[in-house]
Amino acid sequence: MEPVKEAFLAILVKGLTHANFPEMDGLLKKVALGTLTVDEEGLLIKGLKDRVDNPGNFTSQVELDAATILPLLMRIIAAEKALGVSPGLAVLKNGKR
């Protein structure tokens, strides 16, 4: 994973970690460590969607944004791993989108 994506992922995880959500915190820790399973990813994405759908659980708009962005970033990282390169680099190498 590129250092900038790794740093962005860490910022999102930190922003979403709360002592009052221990199950989610455990899943977020696994995201940071790169050890999240496919089943756990489904649970995490569902939990984040629940947070977005119930914004009363949020302390700030930044946290709401982080809950929206994290699943998207996880998808981008998974696509990069499957391709073996960054999707942006694949476009540059192939010369087409």
N, C-alpha and C. Protein backbone atom coordinates (compact mmCIF):
# COMPACT_ATOMS: atom_id res chain seq x y z
N MET A 1 0.85 -1.17 0.00
CA MET A 1 0.00 0.00 0.00
C MET A 1 0.89 1.23 0.00
N GLU A 2 0.50 2.21 -0.77
CA GLU A 2 1.26 3.45 -0.84
C GLU A 2 1.23 4.18 0.50
N PRO A 3 2.33 4.83 0.88
CA PRO A 3 2.38 5.52 2.18
C PRO A 3 1.25 6.53 2.40
N VAL A 4 0.86 7.24 1.34
CA VAL A 4 -0.19 8.24 1.50
C VAL A 4 -1.53 7.57 1.81
N LYS A 5 -1.82 6.44 1.18
CA LYS A 5 -3.06 5.71 1.47
C LYS A 5 -3.01 5.13 2.88
N GLU A 6 -1.84 4.62 3.26
CA GLU A 6 -1.68 4.07 4.60
C GLU A 6 -1.91 5.15 5.66
N ALA A 7 -1.39 6.34 5.44
CA ALA A 7 -1.58 7.45 6.38
C ALA A 7 -3.05 7.87 6.42
N PHE A 8 -3.68 7.95 5.26
CA PHE A 8 -5.09 8.35 5.20
C PHE A 8 -5.95 7.32 5.91
N LEU A 9 -5.66 6.04 5.70
CA LEU A 9 -6.38 4.97 6.37
C LEU A 9 -6.23 5.10 7.88
N ALA A 10 -5.03 5.38 8.36
CA ALA A 10 -4.79 5.54 9.79
C ALA A 10 -5.58 6.71 10.36
N ILE A 11 -5.66 7.81 9.62
CA ILE A 11 -6.41 8.98 10.07
C ILE A 11 -7.90 8.64 10.19
N LEU A 12 -8.43 7.94 9.20
CA LEU A 12 -9.85 7.56 9.23
C LEU A 12 -10.14 6.62 10.39
N VAL A 13 -9.28 5.61 10.57
CA VAL A 13 -9.47 4.65 11.65
C VAL A 13 -9.43 5.36 13.00
N LYS A 14 -8.45 6.23 13.19
CA LYS A 14 -8.34 6.96 14.45
C LYS A 14 -9.58 7.80 14.71
N GLY A 15 -10.09 8.45 13.67
CA GLY A 15 -11.27 9.29 13.82
C GLY A 15 -12.53 8.53 14.13
N LEU A 16 -12.56 7.25 13.82
CA LEU A 16 -13.76 6.43 14.05
C LEU A 16 -13.67 5.58 15.31
N THR A 17 -12.53 5.54 15.95
CA THR A 17 -12.34 4.69 17.13
C THR A 17 -12.86 5.40 18.38
N HIS A 18 -13.74 4.69 19.11
CA HIS A 18 -14.35 5.23 20.34
C HIS A 18 -14.43 4.11 21.37
N ALA A 19 -14.20 4.44 22.61
CA ALA A 19 -14.26 3.46 23.69
C ALA A 19 -15.66 2.85 23.84
N ASN A 20 -16.70 3.59 23.45
CA ASN A 20 -18.06 3.09 23.62
C ASN A 20 -18.54 2.21 22.46
N PHE A 21 -17.67 1.90 21.52
CA PHE A 21 -17.98 0.98 20.41
C PHE A 21 -16.91 -0.11 20.33
N PRO A 22 -16.80 -0.98 21.35
CA PRO A 22 -15.68 -1.94 21.37
C PRO A 22 -15.66 -2.92 20.20
N GLU A 23 -16.81 -3.37 19.73
CA GLU A 23 -16.83 -4.31 18.59
C GLU A 23 -16.30 -3.62 17.33
N MET A 24 -16.77 -2.40 17.08
CA MET A 24 -16.30 -1.65 15.92
C MET A 24 -14.82 -1.32 16.06
N ASP A 25 -14.40 -0.97 17.27
CA ASP A 25 -12.99 -0.65 17.49
C ASP A 25 -12.09 -1.84 17.16
N GLY A 26 -12.54 -3.04 17.51
CA GLY A 26 -11.78 -4.24 17.19
C GLY A 26 -11.64 -4.44 15.69
N LEU A 27 -12.73 -4.19 14.97
CA LEU A 27 -12.69 -4.32 13.51
C LEU A 27 -11.82 -3.23 12.89
N LEU A 28 -11.91 -2.02 13.43
CA LEU A 28 -11.08 -0.92 12.92
C LEU A 28 -9.60 -1.20 13.14
N LYS A 29 -9.28 -1.81 14.27
CA LYS A 29 -7.89 -2.16 14.55
C LYS A 29 -7.39 -3.17 13.51
N LYS A 30 -8.25 -4.11 13.14
CA LYS A 30 -7.87 -5.09 12.13
C LYS A 30 -7.67 -4.44 10.76
N VAL A 31 -8.45 -3.39 10.47
CA VAL A 31 -8.25 -2.64 9.21
C VAL A 31 -6.85 -2.06 9.22
N ALA A 32 -6.49 -1.42 10.34
CA ALA A 32 -5.18 -0.79 10.45
C ALA A 32 -4.05 -1.80 10.33
N LEU A 33 -4.27 -3.01 10.85
CA LEU A 33 -3.24 -4.05 10.80
C LEU A 33 -3.25 -4.83 9.49
N GLY A 34 -4.31 -4.65 8.70
CA GLY A 34 -4.42 -5.39 7.44
C GLY A 34 -4.83 -6.83 7.63
N THR A 35 -5.52 -7.14 8.75
CA THR A 35 -5.90 -8.52 9.06
C THR A 35 -7.41 -8.75 9.04
N LEU A 36 -8.16 -7.82 8.51
CA LEU A 36 -9.62 -7.92 8.47
C LEU A 36 -10.03 -9.00 7.48
N THR A 37 -10.90 -9.93 7.91
CA THR A 37 -11.40 -10.97 7.01
C THR A 37 -12.56 -10.42 6.18
N VAL A 38 -12.97 -11.16 5.18
CA VAL A 38 -14.08 -10.75 4.32
C VAL A 38 -15.36 -10.62 5.15
N ASP A 39 -15.62 -11.59 6.04
CA ASP A 39 -16.81 -11.53 6.88
C ASP A 39 -16.76 -10.33 7.81
N GLU A 40 -15.60 -10.08 8.39
CA GLU A 40 -15.45 -8.93 9.29
C GLU A 40 -15.62 -7.62 8.52
N GLU A 41 -15.15 -7.60 7.28
CA GLU A 41 -15.31 -6.40 6.46
C GLU A 41 -16.79 -6.10 6.26
N GLY A 42 -17.59 -7.13 6.04
CA GLY A 42 -19.03 -6.95 5.90
C GLY A 42 -19.65 -6.36 7.17
N LEU A 43 -19.23 -6.87 8.33
CA LEU A 43 -19.72 -6.34 9.61
C LEU A 43 -19.31 -4.89 9.80
N LEU A 44 -18.07 -4.58 9.45
CA LEU A 44 -17.57 -3.21 9.60
C LEU A 44 -18.34 -2.25 8.69
N ILE A 45 -18.52 -2.63 7.45
CA ILE A 45 -19.23 -1.77 6.51
C ILE A 45 -20.68 -1.56 6.96
N LYS A 46 -21.31 -2.61 7.46
CA LYS A 46 -22.68 -2.47 7.99
C LYS A 46 -22.69 -1.52 9.18
N GLY A 47 -21.73 -1.68 10.09
CA GLY A 47 -21.65 -0.80 11.25
C GLY A 47 -21.41 0.65 10.87
N LEU A 48 -20.55 0.87 9.90
CA LEU A 48 -20.29 2.25 9.44
C LEU A 48 -21.52 2.84 8.77
N LYS A 49 -22.23 2.02 7.99
CA LYS A 49 -23.46 2.49 7.35
C LYS A 49 -24.49 2.86 8.41
N ASP A 50 -24.58 2.04 9.46
CA ASP A 50 -25.50 2.36 10.56
C ASP A 50 -25.14 3.70 11.20
N ARG A 51 -23.84 3.96 11.35
CA ARG A 51 -23.41 5.24 11.92
C ARG A 51 -23.80 6.40 11.00
N VAL A 52 -23.63 6.21 9.70
CA VAL A 52 -23.99 7.27 8.76
C VAL A 52 -25.50 7.50 8.75
N ASP A 53 -26.26 6.41 8.82
CA ASP A 53 -27.72 6.52 8.80
C ASP A 53 -28.28 7.07 10.11
N ASN A 54 -27.52 6.99 11.19
CA ASN A 54 -27.94 7.50 12.50
C ASN A 54 -26.91 8.51 12.99
N PRO A 55 -26.86 9.69 12.38
CA PRO A 55 -25.81 10.65 12.69
C PRO A 55 -25.82 11.17 14.13
N GLY A 56 -26.85 10.85 14.90
CA GLY A 56 -26.86 11.24 16.30
C GLY A 56 -25.72 10.60 17.08
N ASN A 57 -25.17 9.51 16.55
CA ASN A 57 -24.05 8.82 17.19
C ASN A 57 -22.72 9.53 16.98
N PHE A 58 -22.71 10.57 16.15
CA PHE A 58 -21.47 11.23 15.79
C PHE A 58 -21.23 12.47 16.62
N THR A 59 -19.98 12.72 16.86
CA THR A 59 -19.62 13.94 17.58
C THR A 59 -19.31 15.07 16.61
N SER A 60 -19.07 14.75 15.35
CA SER A 60 -18.73 15.80 14.39
C SER A 60 -19.02 15.36 12.96
N GLN A 61 -19.07 16.33 12.08
CA GLN A 61 -19.23 16.05 10.65
C GLN A 61 -18.01 15.28 10.13
N VAL A 62 -16.85 15.54 10.71
CA VAL A 62 -15.63 14.85 10.29
C VAL A 62 -15.77 13.34 10.51
N GLU A 63 -16.35 12.95 11.64
CA GLU A 63 -16.55 11.52 11.92
C GLU A 63 -17.53 10.91 10.93
N LEU A 64 -18.59 11.63 10.61
CA LEU A 64 -19.56 11.17 9.63
C LEU A 64 -18.89 10.98 8.27
N ASP A 65 -18.05 11.93 7.89
CA ASP A 65 -17.32 11.83 6.62
C ASP A 65 -16.37 10.64 6.63
N ALA A 66 -15.69 10.42 7.75
CA ALA A 66 -14.75 9.29 7.86
C ALA A 66 -15.48 7.96 7.69
N ALA A 67 -16.69 7.85 8.27
CA ALA A 67 -17.48 6.63 8.14
C ALA A 67 -17.94 6.40 6.71
N THR A 68 -18.07 7.47 5.94
CA THR A 68 -18.45 7.36 4.54
C THR A 68 -17.24 7.01 3.67
N ILE A 69 -16.11 7.62 3.96
CA ILE A 69 -14.91 7.48 3.13
C ILE A 69 -14.19 6.14 3.35
N LEU A 70 -14.15 5.64 4.59
CA LEU A 70 -13.37 4.43 4.88
C LEU A 70 -13.73 3.25 3.98
N PRO A 71 -15.01 2.90 3.83
CA PRO A 71 -15.32 1.76 2.93
C PRO A 71 -14.86 1.99 1.49
N LEU A 72 -14.93 3.23 1.02
CA LEU A 72 -14.47 3.54 -0.34
C LEU A 72 -12.97 3.33 -0.46
N LEU A 73 -12.21 3.79 0.53
CA LEU A 73 -10.76 3.61 0.52
C LEU A 73 -10.40 2.13 0.60
N MET A 74 -11.15 1.38 1.41
CA MET A 74 -10.90 -0.06 1.51
C MET A 74 -11.11 -0.74 0.16
N ARG A 75 -12.13 -0.31 -0.58
CA ARG A 75 -12.40 -0.87 -1.91
C ARG A 75 -11.27 -0.55 -2.89
N ILE A 76 -10.76 0.68 -2.83
CA ILE A 76 -9.66 1.09 -3.70
C ILE A 76 -8.42 0.25 -3.40
N ILE A 77 -8.11 0.08 -2.13
CA ILE A 77 -6.93 -0.70 -1.73
C ILE A 77 -7.08 -2.15 -2.17
N ALA A 78 -8.28 -2.72 -2.03
CA ALA A 78 -8.52 -4.10 -2.46
C ALA A 78 -8.34 -4.24 -3.97
N ALA A 79 -8.81 -3.25 -4.73
CA ALA A 79 -8.65 -3.28 -6.19
C ALA A 79 -7.18 -3.22 -6.57
N GLU A 80 -6.42 -2.39 -5.86
CA GLU A 80 -4.98 -2.29 -6.13
C GLU A 80 -4.29 -3.63 -5.88
N LYS A 81 -4.66 -4.28 -4.78
CA LYS A 81 -4.05 -5.58 -4.46
C LYS A 81 -4.39 -6.60 -5.54
N ALA A 82 -5.64 -6.59 -6.00
CA ALA A 82 -6.06 -7.55 -7.03
C ALA A 82 -5.32 -7.32 -8.35
N LEU A 83 -5.07 -6.06 -8.67
CA LEU A 83 -4.37 -5.73 -9.92
C LEU A 83 -2.86 -5.84 -9.79
N GLY A 84 -2.39 -5.75 -8.57
CA GLY A 84 -0.96 -5.77 -8.34
C GLY A 84 -0.32 -4.40 -8.50
N VAL A 85 -1.12 -3.40 -8.87
CA VAL A 85 -0.65 -2.02 -9.01
C VAL A 85 -1.79 -1.09 -8.64
N SER A 86 -1.46 0.18 -8.52
CA SER A 86 -2.48 1.19 -8.30
C SER A 86 -3.35 1.30 -9.54
N PRO A 87 -4.70 1.40 -9.40
CA PRO A 87 -5.55 1.57 -10.58
C PRO A 87 -5.11 2.75 -11.43
N GLY A 88 -4.65 3.82 -10.80
CA GLY A 88 -4.15 4.97 -11.56
C GLY A 88 -2.95 4.61 -12.40
N LEU A 89 -2.06 3.80 -11.84
CA LEU A 89 -0.88 3.35 -12.59
C LEU A 89 -1.28 2.42 -13.72
N ALA A 90 -2.30 1.60 -13.49
CA ALA A 90 -2.76 0.69 -14.55
C ALA A 90 -3.27 1.50 -15.74
N VAL A 91 -3.98 2.59 -15.48
CA VAL A 91 -4.48 3.45 -16.55
C VAL A 91 -3.31 4.05 -17.32
N LEU A 92 -2.30 4.52 -16.62
CA LEU A 92 -1.14 5.10 -17.27
C LEU A 92 -0.40 4.07 -18.11
N LYS A 93 -0.27 2.85 -17.61
CA LYS A 93 0.44 1.81 -18.35
C LYS A 93 -0.31 1.39 -19.60
N ASN A 94 -1.64 1.31 -19.50
CA ASN A 94 -2.46 0.84 -20.63
C ASN A 94 -2.82 1.97 -21.58
N GLY A 95 -2.71 3.19 -21.12
CA GLY A 95 -3.02 4.34 -21.98
C GLY A 95 -4.51 4.57 -22.19
N LYS A 96 -5.36 3.85 -21.45
CA LYS A 96 -6.80 4.08 -21.57
C LYS A 96 -7.47 3.91 -20.22
N ARG A 97 -8.63 4.45 -20.10
CA ARG A 97 -9.43 4.38 -18.87
C ARG A 97 -10.39 3.25 -18.96
